[in-house]
Amino acid sequence: MVTTNVRWPSSLWAAVTPPGPDLPELIGTERADVIVIGAGFTGLSTALHLREAGVDVAVVEAAEPGWGASGRNNGQVIPTLSRPDPEDIIAKHGAAGERFVAMLRDSASALFDVVQKYKIEAEQEQAGWVQPVHSPGRIKIAERRVKQWSKFGAPVELLSRDQVSDMTGSNAWYGGFWNKTGGHVNPLALARGLAHAALGLGARIYARSPAISFERRNDKWIVKTEKGEISGRALVMATNAYSGEFSKSLVPEIATEVMPVLSWQMSTQPLSDNVRKTIIPGRQAMSDTHGELYFARYDARNRLITGGAVLGPGNKVERMKARVTERLQRLWPQIGDVSFDYVWNGYVGMTADFLPRIHRLGPNAYGWTGCNGRAVALTIPLGRALSRAVQGVPESELALPFTEPVTYMAHGLLRKIAPWMLLLYRRRDAQELLKGDNFELLKWAEHFLASRR
């Protein structure tokens, strides 16, 4: 057994989650019916569903299961995309879009069903997801989402300002969108639990084995790593925002069609019971309509897990703590002094239209990218759909809206510029507040000036 160490990024999840399975590297020559590149949520779900169908599958992972975005995110289980709604998806993808919408509608429940079926201890709470509206003008977002998702049978509800105040414990918002199937998990525990479940069904997972390249040879797919190679009938590429992080030549057409944007997460120390009962008392997952997103949920130890964004070099962690502390105290004055015990980050794979990209890479080969901050729920049923694709299920039955890769021109330059889009989001957020009442305008002006002292 190879015992090469992988440096885990410091995070709450890494600190509280039991270790994952002990896995070998890929050394020498191996074979499988299906090869999956990437042991995040998508790759592990694909492998799990293939083994349920009795298909031989091997996963090749650059680090360890959950090392990338799957183990670093906030853990919110949200059964929507970040911006496109059902009509947008169907307008672009037609019948395949309708099937994708149905999969997305049921995605949170699909995740919790898998967790229950395999008895995965992921601190799971299906308490629902609420999207509060941060300005009067954006109540239209909630109205549109309720109308469209109701049409497709989702258990959604339009919330009044008073209802959101009761649900969040804050009067900062004007109403909201509520989906009862959402919730939250410990994402690293979910990734490691999926790995254990797949292994238990007979899957193979090779860790610390970055894929360098893949090619089609003699009707087989060949995936090469530094120490070995593996051949198979079919291939699934499940590397998302980390597609170009270990090998620039692995899949450049996918790596350069998505913009990896750094997302910061942080956890407070556990809140007292008295305070916790006044802040999101129902323990829902929450993320609002700000462009510079306000989001929060609890972990199993009553830490409030939140985060934000920060621009420019220098002392980012302390600047992030100061900015988010001010935000939390503004939203929930009863929180008092705020102390953060963990601050960490990881990449989110963003696309220009906020839609995921799903591709045919060749005969019996598929890949995807572009989570846009909504991968936790989506990836579990997406893995099932990809497993069905490599088993020969007709495209007309798959919830996979295929497209051709469209890369960003000057991807490297745009990657450096992308974080500065935050300034645009902040400006738009401020403009929305200018459309609100005088109290909201005054409150924004006070915080604007305070942030520049």
Protein backbone atom coordinates (compact mmCIF):
# COMPACT_ATOMS: atom_id res chain seq x y z
CA MET A 1 0.00 0.00 0.00
CA VAL A 2 1.34 3.41 -0.99
CA THR A 3 1.23 5.96 1.82
CA THR A 4 2.09 9.17 -0.02
CA ASN A 5 0.66 12.09 1.96
CA VAL A 6 -1.66 14.70 0.47
CA ARG A 7 -1.67 18.13 2.07
CA TRP A 8 -5.25 18.92 3.00
CA PRO A 9 -6.27 22.58 3.07
CA SER A 10 -7.08 23.65 6.60
CA SER A 11 -10.84 23.89 7.03
CA LEU A 12 -13.60 23.12 9.47
CA TRP A 13 -14.54 20.06 7.43
CA ALA A 14 -11.01 18.68 7.45
CA ALA A 15 -10.82 19.21 11.21
CA VAL A 16 -14.08 17.48 12.19
CA THR A 17 -14.50 14.75 9.57
CA PRO A 18 -13.30 11.17 10.15
CA PRO A 19 -10.54 10.07 7.74
CA GLY A 20 -11.40 8.75 4.33
CA PRO A 21 -10.54 5.27 3.04
CA ASP A 22 -6.93 4.16 2.66
CA LEU A 23 -6.43 4.09 -1.11
CA PRO A 24 -3.65 2.96 -3.47
CA GLU A 25 -2.00 4.93 -6.23
CA LEU A 26 -2.38 3.84 -9.84
CA ILE A 27 0.88 2.02 -10.55
CA GLY A 28 1.47 -0.08 -13.64
CA THR A 29 -1.22 -1.14 -16.09
CA GLU A 30 -4.85 -1.64 -15.10
CA ARG A 31 -8.18 -2.19 -16.83
CA ALA A 32 -11.78 -1.34 -16.12
CA ASP A 33 -14.99 -1.22 -18.09
CA VAL A 34 -15.51 2.47 -17.18
CA ILE A 35 -12.84 4.96 -16.08
CA VAL A 36 -13.86 8.02 -14.07
CA ILE A 37 -11.41 10.90 -13.68
CA GLY A 38 -12.04 12.80 -10.45
CA ALA A 39 -13.25 11.63 -7.03
CA GLY A 40 -15.47 14.55 -6.16
CA PHE A 41 -19.24 14.29 -5.84
CA THR A 42 -19.85 13.67 -9.55
CA GLY A 43 -17.16 11.05 -10.01
CA LEU A 44 -18.07 9.18 -6.84
CA SER A 45 -21.78 9.28 -7.63
CA THR A 46 -21.05 7.99 -11.14
CA ALA A 47 -18.99 5.13 -9.73
CA LEU A 48 -21.60 4.30 -7.08
CA HIS A 49 -24.44 4.12 -9.58
CA LEU A 50 -22.35 2.07 -12.02
CA ARG A 51 -21.62 -0.47 -9.30
CA GLU A 52 -25.30 -0.61 -8.42
CA ALA A 53 -25.78 -1.72 -12.03
CA GLY A 54 -22.94 -4.25 -11.77
CA VAL A 55 -20.55 -2.33 -14.04
CA ASP A 56 -16.80 -2.54 -13.39
CA VAL A 57 -15.54 0.99 -12.67
CA ALA A 58 -12.28 2.58 -11.56
CA VAL A 59 -11.87 6.16 -10.37
CA VAL A 60 -8.58 8.01 -10.88
CA GLU A 61 -8.13 10.89 -8.44
CA ALA A 62 -5.35 13.48 -8.38
CA ALA A 63 -5.35 13.85 -4.59
CA GLU A 64 -7.94 12.19 -2.32
CA PRO A 65 -11.75 11.94 -2.49
CA GLY A 66 -13.22 15.32 -1.61
CA TRP A 67 -9.89 17.18 -1.78
CA GLY A 68 -11.19 19.70 -4.32
CA ALA A 69 -14.39 21.71 -4.41
CA SER A 70 -16.49 18.81 -3.11
CA GLY A 71 -14.77 18.92 0.27
CA ARG A 72 -14.33 22.67 0.61
CA ASN A 73 -17.72 24.21 -0.14
CA ASN A 74 -20.35 25.55 2.26
CA GLY A 75 -22.38 22.34 2.09
CA GLN A 76 -25.70 23.94 1.13
CA VAL A 77 -27.97 21.53 -0.74
CA ILE A 78 -29.84 23.76 -3.21
CA PRO A 79 -32.14 22.24 -5.88
CA THR A 80 -31.90 25.15 -8.34
CA LEU A 81 -29.23 26.80 -10.45
CA SER A 82 -27.79 30.09 -9.25
CA ARG A 83 -29.48 32.27 -11.88
CA PRO A 84 -31.16 30.41 -14.77
CA ASP A 85 -34.69 29.22 -14.02
CA PRO A 86 -36.63 26.41 -15.77
CA GLU A 87 -37.77 28.54 -18.71
CA ASP A 88 -34.19 29.69 -19.37
CA ILE A 89 -32.92 26.11 -19.34
CA ILE A 90 -35.67 24.81 -21.62
CA ALA A 91 -35.35 27.75 -24.01
CA LYS A 92 -31.70 26.80 -24.56
CA HIS A 93 -31.91 23.01 -24.47
CA GLY A 94 -35.45 22.02 -25.46
CA ALA A 95 -36.58 18.52 -24.47
CA ALA A 96 -33.21 17.73 -22.88
CA GLY A 97 -33.62 20.90 -20.87
CA GLU A 98 -37.01 19.69 -19.60
CA ARG A 99 -35.45 16.44 -18.43
CA PHE A 100 -32.62 18.38 -16.81
CA VAL A 101 -35.12 20.62 -15.00
CA ALA A 102 -36.88 17.54 -13.61
CA MET A 103 -33.54 16.16 -12.42
CA LEU A 104 -32.64 19.49 -10.84
CA ARG A 105 -36.06 19.74 -9.14
CA ASP A 106 -35.46 16.40 -7.41
CA SER A 107 -31.72 16.82 -6.87
CA ALA A 108 -31.74 17.65 -3.16
CA SER A 109 -34.01 14.72 -2.33
CA ALA A 110 -31.82 12.47 -4.50
CA LEU A 111 -28.82 13.43 -2.37
CA PHE A 112 -30.56 12.82 0.94
CA ASP A 113 -31.94 9.51 -0.37
CA VAL A 114 -28.42 8.29 -1.21
CA VAL A 115 -27.16 9.40 2.19
CA GLN A 116 -29.96 7.47 3.89
CA LYS A 117 -29.61 4.38 1.69
CA TYR A 118 -25.90 3.99 2.39
CA LYS A 119 -26.06 5.24 5.99
CA ILE A 120 -23.55 7.99 5.29
CA GLU A 121 -22.85 10.14 8.34
CA ALA A 122 -22.67 13.55 6.69
CA GLU A 123 -24.30 15.75 9.35
CA GLN A 124 -27.21 15.93 6.92
CA GLU A 125 -30.20 18.16 7.65
CA GLN A 126 -33.00 18.40 5.10
CA ALA A 127 -34.33 21.56 6.74
CA GLY A 128 -35.01 23.36 3.45
CA TRP A 129 -33.35 26.22 1.58
CA VAL A 130 -34.47 29.84 1.70
CA GLN A 131 -33.39 32.63 -0.65
CA PRO A 132 -34.20 35.96 1.02
CA VAL A 133 -34.62 39.00 -1.22
CA HIS A 134 -32.34 41.87 -0.26
CA SER A 135 -34.20 44.77 -1.93
CA PRO A 136 -37.78 45.56 -2.97
CA GLY A 137 -36.84 45.42 -6.64
CA ARG A 138 -35.58 41.88 -6.44
CA ILE A 139 -38.78 40.41 -5.05
CA LYS A 140 -39.49 39.74 -8.73
CA ILE A 141 -36.78 37.08 -8.61
CA ALA A 142 -38.63 35.18 -5.91
CA GLU A 143 -41.98 35.62 -7.68
CA ARG A 144 -40.56 34.33 -10.96
CA ARG A 145 -38.90 31.35 -9.34
CA VAL A 146 -42.01 30.33 -7.43
CA LYS A 147 -44.13 30.60 -10.59
CA GLN A 148 -41.74 28.61 -12.76
CA TRP A 149 -40.75 25.92 -10.28
CA SER A 150 -44.37 25.43 -9.20
CA LYS A 151 -45.20 24.68 -12.82
CA PHE A 152 -42.73 21.78 -12.67
CA GLY A 153 -44.00 20.41 -9.39
CA ALA A 154 -41.33 21.69 -7.00
CA PRO A 155 -42.39 22.23 -3.36
CA VAL A 156 -41.73 25.97 -3.38
CA GLU A 157 -43.35 28.93 -1.70
CA LEU A 158 -43.23 32.73 -1.92
CA LEU A 159 -42.46 34.20 1.48
CA SER A 160 -43.53 37.58 2.81
CA ARG A 161 -41.18 39.93 4.61
CA ASP A 162 -42.59 38.82 7.97
CA GLN A 163 -42.19 35.13 7.09
CA VAL A 164 -38.55 35.62 6.09
CA SER A 165 -37.97 37.59 9.28
CA ASP A 166 -39.37 34.70 11.30
CA MET A 167 -37.37 32.13 9.34
CA THR A 168 -34.03 33.97 9.47
CA GLY A 169 -34.30 35.94 12.69
CA SER A 170 -33.47 39.16 10.80
CA ASN A 171 -35.54 42.00 9.35
CA ALA A 172 -32.91 42.75 6.71
CA TRP A 173 -34.84 41.16 3.84
CA TYR A 174 -38.05 41.94 1.94
CA GLY A 175 -39.43 38.47 1.28
CA GLY A 176 -38.05 35.34 -0.29
CA PHE A 177 -38.14 32.02 -2.10
CA TRP A 178 -38.49 28.80 -0.11
CA ASN A 179 -37.79 25.24 -1.23
CA LYS A 180 -38.59 22.60 1.38
CA THR A 181 -36.39 19.85 -0.13
CA GLY A 182 -33.09 21.70 0.35
CA GLY A 183 -30.81 21.62 3.33
CA HIS A 184 -27.14 21.19 4.17
CA VAL A 185 -24.44 18.61 4.78
CA ASN A 186 -20.82 18.31 5.83
CA PRO A 187 -19.52 18.10 2.24
CA LEU A 188 -16.23 16.38 3.01
CA ALA A 189 -18.06 13.76 5.07
CA LEU A 190 -20.41 13.26 2.13
CA ALA A 191 -17.50 12.79 -0.29
CA ARG A 192 -15.74 10.32 1.99
CA GLY A 193 -19.01 8.51 2.65
CA LEU A 194 -19.67 8.17 -1.07
CA ALA A 195 -16.15 6.80 -1.51
CA HIS A 196 -16.71 4.19 1.21
CA ALA A 197 -20.08 3.26 -0.33
CA ALA A 198 -18.63 2.86 -3.83
CA LEU A 199 -15.74 0.78 -2.52
CA GLY A 200 -18.17 -1.36 -0.59
CA LEU A 201 -19.94 -2.21 -3.83
CA GLY A 202 -16.67 -3.15 -5.53
CA ALA A 203 -15.49 0.06 -7.20
CA ARG A 204 -11.78 0.83 -7.33
CA ILE A 205 -10.44 4.28 -6.44
CA TYR A 206 -6.85 5.25 -7.16
CA ALA A 207 -5.68 8.29 -5.17
CA ARG A 208 -2.64 10.58 -5.47
CA SER A 209 -2.63 9.73 -9.18
CA PRO A 210 -3.19 12.86 -11.28
CA ALA A 211 -4.35 12.02 -14.78
CA ILE A 212 -1.89 13.51 -17.24
CA SER A 213 -3.67 12.66 -20.48
CA PHE A 214 -6.27 10.43 -22.09
CA GLU A 215 -6.61 9.15 -25.63
CA ARG A 216 -8.65 6.79 -27.77
CA ARG A 217 -6.65 3.78 -28.94
CA ASN A 218 -7.89 0.52 -30.45
CA ASP A 219 -11.49 1.20 -29.41
CA LYS A 220 -10.38 1.78 -25.81
CA TRP A 221 -9.84 4.86 -23.69
CA ILE A 222 -6.36 5.07 -22.18
CA VAL A 223 -5.79 7.32 -19.16
CA LYS A 224 -2.16 7.95 -18.22
CA THR A 225 -0.76 9.03 -14.87
CA GLU A 226 2.84 9.53 -13.78
CA LYS A 227 3.20 5.95 -12.55
CA GLY A 228 0.71 4.01 -14.63
CA GLU A 229 -2.13 3.85 -17.07
CA ILE A 230 -5.60 2.34 -17.17
CA SER A 231 -7.70 1.34 -20.17
CA GLY A 232 -11.45 1.06 -20.45
CA ARG A 233 -14.42 0.91 -22.77
CA ALA A 234 -15.90 4.18 -21.50
CA LEU A 235 -14.73 7.37 -19.83
CA VAL A 236 -16.30 10.04 -17.58
CA MET A 237 -14.47 13.30 -16.92
CA ALA A 238 -15.60 14.71 -13.54
CA THR A 239 -13.01 17.35 -12.64
CA ASN A 240 -15.11 20.57 -12.86
CA ALA A 241 -13.25 23.69 -11.65
CA TYR A 242 -10.03 21.70 -11.09
CA SER A 243 -9.84 20.41 -14.69
CA GLY A 244 -6.65 22.34 -15.42
CA GLU A 245 -5.05 22.38 -11.98
CA PHE A 246 -2.90 19.24 -12.20
CA SER A 247 -2.33 18.95 -15.96
CA LYS A 248 -2.86 21.76 -18.44
CA SER A 249 -2.99 19.24 -21.27
CA LEU A 250 -5.53 16.85 -19.77
CA VAL A 251 -8.70 18.43 -21.14
CA PRO A 252 -7.93 22.03 -22.16
CA GLU A 253 -11.22 22.51 -24.02
CA ILE A 254 -13.08 21.97 -20.74
CA ALA A 255 -10.56 23.61 -18.42
CA THR A 256 -10.70 26.84 -20.43
CA GLU A 257 -14.48 27.07 -20.79
CA VAL A 258 -14.95 27.50 -17.06
CA MET A 259 -13.60 30.25 -14.84
CA PRO A 260 -12.27 28.98 -11.49
CA VAL A 261 -13.17 31.68 -8.96
CA LEU A 262 -11.92 31.52 -5.39
CA SER A 263 -14.73 31.19 -2.85
CA TRP A 264 -14.06 31.84 0.85
CA GLN A 265 -15.80 29.90 3.62
CA MET A 266 -15.58 30.47 7.34
CA SER A 267 -17.07 29.18 10.57
CA THR A 268 -17.85 30.94 13.80
CA GLN A 269 -17.22 29.28 17.08
CA PRO A 270 -20.34 27.42 18.30
CA LEU A 271 -23.15 29.82 19.20
CA SER A 272 -24.90 29.55 22.53
CA ASP A 273 -28.30 27.86 22.49
CA ASN A 274 -30.06 31.12 23.35
CA VAL A 275 -28.49 32.98 20.42
CA ARG A 276 -28.77 30.07 18.00
CA LYS A 277 -32.52 29.88 18.54
CA THR A 278 -32.87 33.47 17.32
CA ILE A 279 -30.69 33.16 14.19
CA ILE A 280 -32.16 30.90 11.47
CA PRO A 281 -34.06 29.04 14.21
CA GLY A 282 -35.30 26.34 11.82
CA ARG A 283 -31.69 25.60 10.70
CA GLN A 284 -32.45 26.09 7.02
CA ALA A 285 -29.71 26.70 4.48
CA MET A 286 -29.81 30.36 3.45
CA SER A 287 -28.30 32.31 0.57
CA ASP A 288 -29.81 35.56 -0.64
CA THR A 289 -30.07 37.64 -3.83
CA HIS A 290 -27.02 39.86 -3.37
CA GLY A 291 -24.49 39.66 -6.19
CA GLU A 292 -21.95 39.60 -3.37
CA LEU A 293 -23.79 36.72 -1.79
CA TYR A 294 -24.90 36.65 1.83
CA PHE A 295 -25.13 33.03 2.94
CA ALA A 296 -25.19 31.00 6.13
CA ARG A 297 -26.13 27.65 7.68
CA TYR A 298 -25.27 25.70 10.81
CA ASP A 299 -23.04 22.73 11.27
CA ALA A 300 -23.78 19.93 13.72
CA ARG A 301 -21.96 21.79 16.52
CA ASN A 302 -23.95 25.03 16.04
CA ARG A 303 -21.21 26.91 14.27
CA LEU A 304 -22.60 29.39 11.77
CA ILE A 305 -20.94 28.55 8.45
CA THR A 306 -20.78 31.57 6.18
CA GLY A 307 -18.26 33.30 3.93
CA GLY A 308 -17.67 36.06 1.46
CA ALA A 309 -15.22 37.57 -0.98
CA VAL A 310 -12.23 39.86 -0.71
CA LEU A 311 -10.24 41.74 -3.33
CA GLY A 312 -6.58 42.53 -3.68
CA PRO A 313 -3.47 41.12 -2.01
CA GLY A 314 -2.46 41.31 1.60
CA ASN A 315 -3.87 39.92 4.86
CA LYS A 316 -6.93 38.43 3.19
CA VAL A 317 -8.00 36.26 6.10
CA GLU A 318 -8.11 39.13 8.60
CA ARG A 319 -9.83 41.40 6.11
CA MET A 320 -12.38 38.69 5.43
CA LYS A 321 -13.01 38.21 9.13
CA ALA A 322 -13.57 41.94 9.64
CA ARG A 323 -15.91 42.28 6.66
CA VAL A 324 -18.03 39.24 7.51
CA THR A 325 -18.14 40.12 11.21
CA GLU A 326 -19.65 43.49 10.31
CA ARG A 327 -22.15 41.75 8.04
CA LEU A 328 -23.25 39.23 10.65
CA GLN A 329 -23.64 41.88 13.32
CA ARG A 330 -25.68 44.01 10.94
CA LEU A 331 -27.97 41.13 9.99
CA TRP A 332 -28.19 39.70 13.52
CA PRO A 333 -27.22 42.25 16.21
CA GLN A 334 -27.99 39.63 18.86
CA ILE A 335 -24.97 37.60 17.76
CA GLY A 336 -22.68 39.89 19.78
CA ASP A 337 -18.93 39.39 19.47
CA VAL A 338 -18.00 37.12 16.56
CA SER A 339 -15.01 34.81 16.57
CA PHE A 340 -14.04 32.62 13.61
CA ASP A 341 -12.15 29.40 14.21
CA TYR A 342 -11.69 28.33 10.57
CA VAL A 343 -11.32 30.27 7.32
CA TRP A 344 -10.65 28.42 4.07
CA ASN A 345 -11.21 28.64 0.35
CA GLY A 346 -11.54 26.67 -2.88
CA TYR A 347 -12.55 27.11 -6.50
CA VAL A 348 -16.06 27.47 -7.87
CA GLY A 349 -16.37 26.73 -11.60
CA MET A 350 -18.24 29.66 -13.19
CA THR A 351 -19.60 29.97 -16.73
CA ALA A 352 -20.63 33.14 -18.53
CA ASP A 353 -24.36 32.24 -18.60
CA PHE A 354 -24.36 30.41 -15.23
CA LEU A 355 -25.41 27.16 -16.94
CA PRO A 356 -23.44 23.91 -16.57
CA ARG A 357 -21.63 22.47 -19.58
CA ILE A 358 -22.16 18.78 -20.39
CA HIS A 359 -20.20 17.26 -23.27
CA ARG A 360 -19.63 14.19 -25.38
CA LEU A 361 -15.87 13.73 -25.49
CA GLY A 362 -15.94 10.85 -27.99
CA PRO A 363 -17.41 7.35 -28.24
CA ASN A 364 -18.66 6.37 -24.77
CA ALA A 365 -16.95 9.38 -23.21
CA TYR A 366 -18.57 12.26 -21.36
CA GLY A 367 -17.56 15.21 -19.23
CA TRP A 368 -18.99 18.26 -17.54
CA THR A 369 -18.03 21.46 -15.77
CA GLY A 370 -19.58 24.70 -14.55
CA CYS A 371 -21.16 24.12 -11.14
CA ASN A 372 -21.73 27.88 -10.64
CA GLY A 373 -22.00 27.30 -6.91
CA ARG A 374 -24.79 24.72 -7.11
CA ALA A 375 -22.90 21.42 -7.33
CA VAL A 376 -23.74 19.77 -4.01
CA ALA A 377 -27.31 18.78 -4.91
CA LEU A 378 -26.85 18.59 -8.68
CA THR A 379 -23.85 16.27 -8.82
CA ILE A 380 -25.49 13.25 -7.17
CA PRO A 381 -28.25 12.74 -9.80
CA LEU A 382 -25.86 14.00 -12.48
CA GLY A 383 -23.52 11.13 -11.62
CA ARG A 384 -26.43 8.74 -12.03
CA ALA A 385 -27.25 10.26 -15.44
CA LEU A 386 -23.62 9.95 -16.58
CA SER A 387 -23.56 6.33 -15.42
CA ARG A 388 -26.64 5.67 -17.54
CA ALA A 389 -25.02 7.37 -20.53
CA VAL A 390 -21.96 5.08 -20.49
CA GLN A 391 -24.30 2.09 -20.15
CA GLY A 392 -25.86 2.96 -23.50
CA VAL A 393 -29.15 4.55 -22.41
CA PRO A 394 -30.50 6.51 -25.43
CA GLU A 395 -29.79 10.23 -25.40
CA SER A 396 -33.52 10.91 -25.67
CA GLU A 397 -33.92 9.43 -22.17
CA LEU A 398 -31.02 11.24 -20.51
CA ALA A 399 -31.31 14.42 -18.45
CA LEU A 400 -28.11 15.65 -20.10
CA PRO A 401 -28.31 18.77 -22.30
CA PHE A 402 -25.17 18.27 -24.38
CA THR A 403 -23.24 21.18 -25.89
CA GLU A 404 -19.90 21.66 -27.61
CA PRO A 405 -17.10 23.17 -25.51
CA VAL A 406 -16.77 26.93 -25.96
CA THR A 407 -13.58 28.22 -24.41
CA TYR A 408 -12.90 31.66 -23.00
CA MET A 409 -10.51 33.62 -25.20
CA ALA A 410 -7.46 34.79 -23.23
CA HIS A 411 -8.50 32.48 -20.43
CA GLY A 412 -5.39 33.14 -18.34
CA LEU A 413 -5.89 36.91 -18.44
CA LEU A 414 -9.60 36.66 -17.73
CA ARG A 415 -8.90 34.39 -14.78
CA LYS A 416 -6.85 37.19 -13.22
CA ILE A 417 -9.55 39.76 -13.95
CA ALA A 418 -12.57 37.65 -12.93
CA PRO A 419 -12.33 38.28 -9.16
CA TRP A 420 -12.69 42.01 -9.80
CA MET A 421 -16.22 41.38 -11.06
CA LEU A 422 -17.01 41.62 -7.38
CA LEU A 423 -16.83 45.42 -7.73
CA LEU A 424 -19.60 45.25 -10.33
CA TYR A 425 -21.71 43.03 -8.10
CA ARG A 426 -21.27 45.44 -5.19
CA ARG A 427 -22.27 48.36 -7.40
CA ARG A 428 -25.40 46.58 -8.59
CA ASP A 429 -26.30 45.63 -5.05
CA ALA A 430 -25.94 49.28 -4.03
CA GLN A 431 -28.09 50.41 -6.96
CA GLU A 432 -30.81 48.03 -5.88
CA LEU A 433 -30.75 49.59 -2.43
CA LEU A 434 -31.04 53.06 -3.97
CA LYS A 435 -34.40 51.91 -5.34
CA GLY A 436 -35.57 50.98 -1.84
CA ASP A 437 -36.95 53.13 0.93
CA ASN A 438 -35.05 55.89 2.70
CA PHE A 439 -34.27 53.73 5.71
CA GLU A 440 -32.57 51.17 3.51
CA LEU A 441 -30.64 53.91 1.71
CA LEU A 442 -29.48 55.41 4.98
CA LYS A 443 -28.42 52.04 6.30
CA TRP A 444 -26.41 51.33 3.15
CA ALA A 445 -24.76 54.76 3.22
CA GLU A 446 -23.69 54.27 6.85
CA HIS A 447 -22.13 50.90 6.08
CA PHE A 448 -20.50 52.23 2.92
CA LEU A 449 -18.77 54.99 4.84
CA ALA A 450 -17.84 52.72 7.72
CA SER A 451 -16.16 50.25 5.36
CA ARG A 452 -13.82 53.01 4.14
CA ARG A 453 -12.70 54.37 7.49
